[in-house]
Amino acid sequence: HRHREGRPRWRAGNAGLATADALLAAGLAVADVEYRAAGQGGGHPSSVDDVGAALALVARHEQLDASRAVLLGHSAGGQLAFMAALRGGPLRPRLLALLAPVADLVEADARGLSDGGDAVRLYYHGQGPGAADYTQGSPAHHLRPSCLECPLLVVAGTADDDVPVDMVDAFVAQARAADLDVEYVREEGAGHFDVCSAGSRAWERALEAILRRVRC
């Protein structure tokens, strides 16, 4: 799951990831999930509903080994992937991989991330923090022991201008404090899209971690 444009947002879906090609080249089957965008029937919680429906479809696919599935999301897609994994369902991923995730919606709104500072409010159908409870869809506010049934891989770049690395650092620290199984790939000098761009060092490190988990 990933947004199409160059900032964290839930306003556009996904269209042909280079990362999908890299995963295919590594011998993995890939389901590239689209979801209804904010303002187009999506937003909270419909976008997560769409991801959950896609995961249920994958779980029923007779030619796929769903026990070795990896649920991966970049940026706003990282938030959706986490919330879908939190809900559970017929697909039990072996690994949840979050690349530059927007993991704290309260902090993201306070910092004015993307869309003129309104990305989180648009995801909540234009409602500000006084009218909507942003913690409902905020991964950082759901971290607790055993909240996930699989390990967590988090990837971030120190030169990310869209999702500042200190926000990801804080999320990882919270996840570890909750005694979750967390692997953190923190790449010096990597930007927001480097972490999901085939050929970049950040992506190569992420791919190595994904393949290690899938093939073990």
Protein backbone atom coordinates (compact mmCIF):
# COMPACT_ATOMS: atom_id res chain seq x y z
CA HIS A 1 0.00 0.00 0.00
CA ARG A 2 1.37 3.35 -0.94
CA HIS A 3 0.15 6.77 -1.90
CA ARG A 4 0.80 7.88 -5.46
CA GLU A 5 1.91 11.47 -4.94
CA GLY A 6 4.95 12.89 -3.22
CA ARG A 7 3.68 13.45 0.29
CA PRO A 8 2.06 11.34 3.02
CA ARG A 9 -1.62 11.27 2.17
CA TRP A 10 -4.66 9.07 1.93
CA ARG A 11 -6.04 10.94 -1.09
CA ALA A 12 -4.65 8.75 -3.83
CA GLY A 13 -4.14 5.05 -4.10
CA ASN A 14 -1.40 2.95 -5.55
CA ALA A 15 -0.30 2.52 -9.16
CA GLY A 16 2.47 0.10 -10.05
CA LEU A 17 5.24 0.10 -7.50
CA ALA A 18 8.85 -0.44 -8.44
CA THR A 19 9.05 -2.26 -5.12
CA ALA A 20 6.49 -4.76 -6.39
CA ASP A 21 8.77 -5.53 -9.32
CA ALA A 22 11.71 -5.96 -6.96
CA LEU A 23 9.73 -8.38 -4.81
CA LEU A 24 8.64 -10.32 -7.88
CA ALA A 25 12.23 -10.50 -9.05
CA ALA A 26 13.14 -11.97 -5.65
CA GLY A 27 10.68 -14.78 -6.28
CA LEU A 28 7.75 -13.54 -4.21
CA ALA A 29 4.14 -13.30 -5.29
CA VAL A 30 2.81 -9.75 -4.91
CA ALA A 31 -0.71 -8.41 -4.36
CA ASP A 32 -0.60 -4.65 -5.04
CA VAL A 33 -3.57 -3.29 -3.11
CA GLU A 34 -5.67 -0.29 -4.07
CA TYR A 35 -8.01 1.37 -1.59
CA ARG A 36 -10.67 4.04 -1.68
CA ALA A 37 -9.05 7.41 -1.17
CA ALA A 38 -10.10 10.09 1.28
CA GLY A 39 -12.79 12.17 -0.38
CA GLN A 40 -13.69 9.25 -2.67
CA GLY A 41 -15.47 7.01 -0.20
CA GLY A 42 -12.30 6.28 1.75
CA GLY A 43 -10.67 7.79 4.81
CA HIS A 44 -11.21 6.54 8.33
CA PRO A 45 -12.13 3.70 8.64
CA SER A 46 -13.11 2.77 5.05
CA SER A 47 -9.55 2.70 3.68
CA VAL A 48 -8.57 0.13 6.30
CA ASP A 49 -11.73 -1.84 5.46
CA ASP A 50 -10.52 -2.03 1.86
CA VAL A 51 -7.11 -3.31 2.89
CA GLY A 52 -8.75 -5.92 5.10
CA ALA A 53 -10.97 -7.06 2.23
CA ALA A 54 -7.91 -7.44 -0.01
CA LEU A 55 -6.10 -9.48 2.63
CA ALA A 56 -9.09 -11.78 2.97
CA LEU A 57 -9.05 -12.32 -0.78
CA VAL A 58 -5.34 -13.17 -0.72
CA ALA A 59 -5.92 -15.63 2.13
CA ARG A 60 -8.40 -17.54 -0.06
CA HIS A 61 -6.05 -17.78 -3.04
CA GLU A 62 -5.37 -21.48 -3.53
CA GLN A 63 -1.95 -21.06 -5.15
CA LEU A 64 -0.44 -18.84 -2.47
CA ASP A 65 1.13 -19.90 0.80
CA ALA A 66 -0.59 -17.37 3.05
CA SER A 67 1.43 -18.56 6.05
CA ARG A 68 4.48 -16.84 4.54
CA ALA A 69 2.76 -13.55 3.73
CA VAL A 70 4.34 -10.16 4.34
CA LEU A 71 2.09 -7.13 4.78
CA LEU A 72 4.01 -4.06 3.57
CA GLY A 73 3.03 -0.40 3.49
CA HIS A 74 4.82 2.85 2.74
CA SER A 75 4.01 6.22 4.34
CA ALA A 76 0.22 6.53 4.67
CA GLY A 77 0.10 2.93 3.49
CA GLY A 78 2.15 2.00 6.54
CA GLN A 79 -0.61 3.33 8.78
CA LEU A 80 -3.21 1.34 6.85
CA ALA A 81 -1.11 -1.84 6.94
CA PHE A 82 -0.63 -1.60 10.70
CA MET A 83 -4.31 -0.98 11.39
CA ALA A 84 -5.32 -3.87 9.11
CA ALA A 85 -2.89 -6.20 10.87
CA LEU A 86 -4.19 -5.01 14.24
CA ARG A 87 -7.72 -6.05 13.29
CA GLY A 88 -6.68 -9.58 12.47
CA GLY A 89 -8.57 -11.70 9.97
CA PRO A 90 -8.06 -14.83 7.86
CA LEU A 91 -4.60 -13.74 6.71
CA ARG A 92 -1.93 -14.01 9.40
CA PRO A 93 1.18 -12.32 7.98
CA ARG A 94 4.58 -13.62 8.92
CA LEU A 95 5.91 -10.05 8.94
CA LEU A 96 4.50 -6.54 9.03
CA ALA A 97 6.85 -4.18 7.16
CA LEU A 98 6.35 -0.42 7.55
CA LEU A 99 8.42 1.90 5.35
CA ALA A 100 8.52 5.54 6.52
CA PRO A 101 5.16 5.02 8.21
CA VAL A 102 2.83 7.78 9.36
CA ALA A 103 2.52 5.98 12.68
CA ASP A 104 1.28 8.74 15.01
CA LEU A 105 -1.67 10.61 13.56
CA VAL A 106 -1.96 12.96 16.53
CA GLU A 107 1.66 14.08 16.12
CA ALA A 108 1.34 14.15 12.32
CA ASP A 109 -1.58 16.56 12.58
CA ALA A 110 0.18 18.68 15.20
CA ARG A 111 3.17 19.02 12.85
CA GLY A 112 0.99 19.71 9.83
CA LEU A 113 2.24 16.87 7.67
CA SER A 114 1.28 17.12 4.00
CA ASP A 115 -1.69 18.51 2.07
CA GLY A 116 -1.07 21.99 3.44
CA GLY A 117 -1.02 20.48 6.92
CA ASP A 118 -4.44 18.88 6.53
CA ALA A 119 -3.57 15.27 5.56
CA VAL A 120 -4.85 13.75 8.81
CA ARG A 121 -7.94 15.95 8.87
CA LEU A 122 -8.79 14.95 5.31
CA TYR A 123 -8.38 11.29 6.30
CA TYR A 124 -10.93 12.00 9.04
CA HIS A 125 -13.36 13.56 6.55
CA GLY A 126 -12.36 17.14 7.31
CA GLN A 127 -12.78 16.81 11.05
CA GLY A 128 -10.27 18.48 13.31
CA PRO A 129 -8.90 16.93 16.50
CA GLY A 130 -11.72 18.45 18.53
CA ALA A 131 -14.34 16.61 16.47
CA ALA A 132 -12.56 13.34 15.72
CA ASP A 133 -10.50 10.97 17.85
CA TYR A 134 -7.30 10.60 15.84
CA THR A 135 -6.02 7.93 18.21
CA GLN A 136 -8.55 5.46 16.75
CA GLY A 137 -6.55 5.15 13.54
CA SER A 138 -3.11 5.92 14.96
CA PRO A 139 -0.75 2.92 15.19
CA ALA A 140 1.32 4.53 17.96
CA HIS A 141 -1.74 4.68 20.17
CA HIS A 142 -2.48 0.97 19.83
CA LEU A 143 0.92 -0.39 20.84
CA ARG A 144 0.66 -2.87 23.68
CA PRO A 145 2.08 -6.31 24.45
CA SER A 146 0.82 -8.95 22.00
CA CYS A 147 -1.14 -6.42 19.91
CA LEU A 148 0.41 -7.95 16.77
CA GLU A 149 0.65 -11.61 15.88
CA CYS A 150 3.83 -11.18 13.83
CA PRO A 151 7.19 -9.40 14.02
CA LEU A 152 7.48 -5.79 12.92
CA LEU A 153 10.02 -4.39 10.45
CA VAL A 154 10.31 -0.60 10.36
CA VAL A 155 12.40 1.24 7.78
CA ALA A 156 13.19 4.97 7.85
CA GLY A 157 15.66 7.45 6.39
CA THR A 158 17.35 10.22 8.31
CA ALA A 159 16.83 12.66 5.40
CA ASP A 160 13.06 12.10 5.15
CA ASP A 161 11.42 15.54 4.86
CA ASP A 162 7.89 14.09 4.69
CA VAL A 163 7.81 11.77 7.69
CA PRO A 164 10.59 13.05 9.98
CA VAL A 165 12.80 10.27 11.29
CA ASP A 166 12.34 11.33 14.91
CA MET A 167 8.66 10.41 14.59
CA VAL A 168 9.63 6.93 13.42
CA ASP A 169 12.27 6.69 16.15
CA ALA A 170 9.60 7.43 18.74
CA PHE A 171 7.25 4.82 17.29
CA VAL A 172 9.97 2.15 17.32
CA ALA A 173 10.86 3.03 20.92
CA GLN A 174 7.21 2.70 21.93
CA ALA A 175 6.89 -0.64 20.13
CA ARG A 176 9.97 -1.99 21.89
CA ALA A 177 8.71 -0.70 25.22
CA ALA A 178 5.54 -2.71 24.55
CA ASP A 179 7.76 -5.79 24.18
CA LEU A 180 7.01 -6.26 20.48
CA ASP A 181 9.44 -8.02 18.15
CA VAL A 182 10.82 -5.05 16.20
CA GLU A 183 13.62 -4.81 13.65
CA TYR A 184 14.55 -1.24 12.76
CA VAL A 185 16.42 -0.30 9.59
CA ARG A 186 17.48 3.36 9.97
CA GLU A 187 19.37 4.48 6.86
CA GLU A 188 21.56 7.55 7.05
CA GLY A 189 20.88 10.07 4.27
CA ALA A 190 17.84 8.25 2.87
CA GLY A 191 14.75 10.23 1.90
CA HIS A 192 11.05 9.43 1.96
CA PHE A 193 11.02 7.48 -1.29
CA ASP A 194 14.49 5.97 -0.98
CA VAL A 195 13.11 3.45 1.51
CA CYS A 196 10.85 1.97 -1.20
CA SER A 197 12.96 2.60 -4.29
CA ALA A 198 14.53 -0.48 -5.84
CA GLY A 199 18.29 -0.11 -5.98
CA SER A 200 18.63 2.19 -2.97
CA ARG A 201 20.61 0.99 0.02
CA ALA A 202 17.62 1.51 2.32
CA TRP A 203 15.40 -0.66 0.14
CA GLU A 204 18.07 -3.33 -0.28
CA ARG A 205 18.38 -3.57 3.50
CA ALA A 206 14.60 -3.77 3.83
CA LEU A 207 14.39 -6.46 1.15
CA GLU A 208 17.11 -8.50 2.85
CA ALA A 209 15.17 -8.40 6.11
CA ILE A 210 11.91 -9.36 4.37
CA LEU A 211 13.48 -12.32 2.55
CA ARG A 212 15.18 -13.52 5.73
CA ARG A 213 11.83 -13.65 7.50
CA VAL A 214 9.93 -15.23 4.61
CA ARG A 215 12.49 -17.92 3.86
CA CYS A 216 13.28 -18.98 7.40
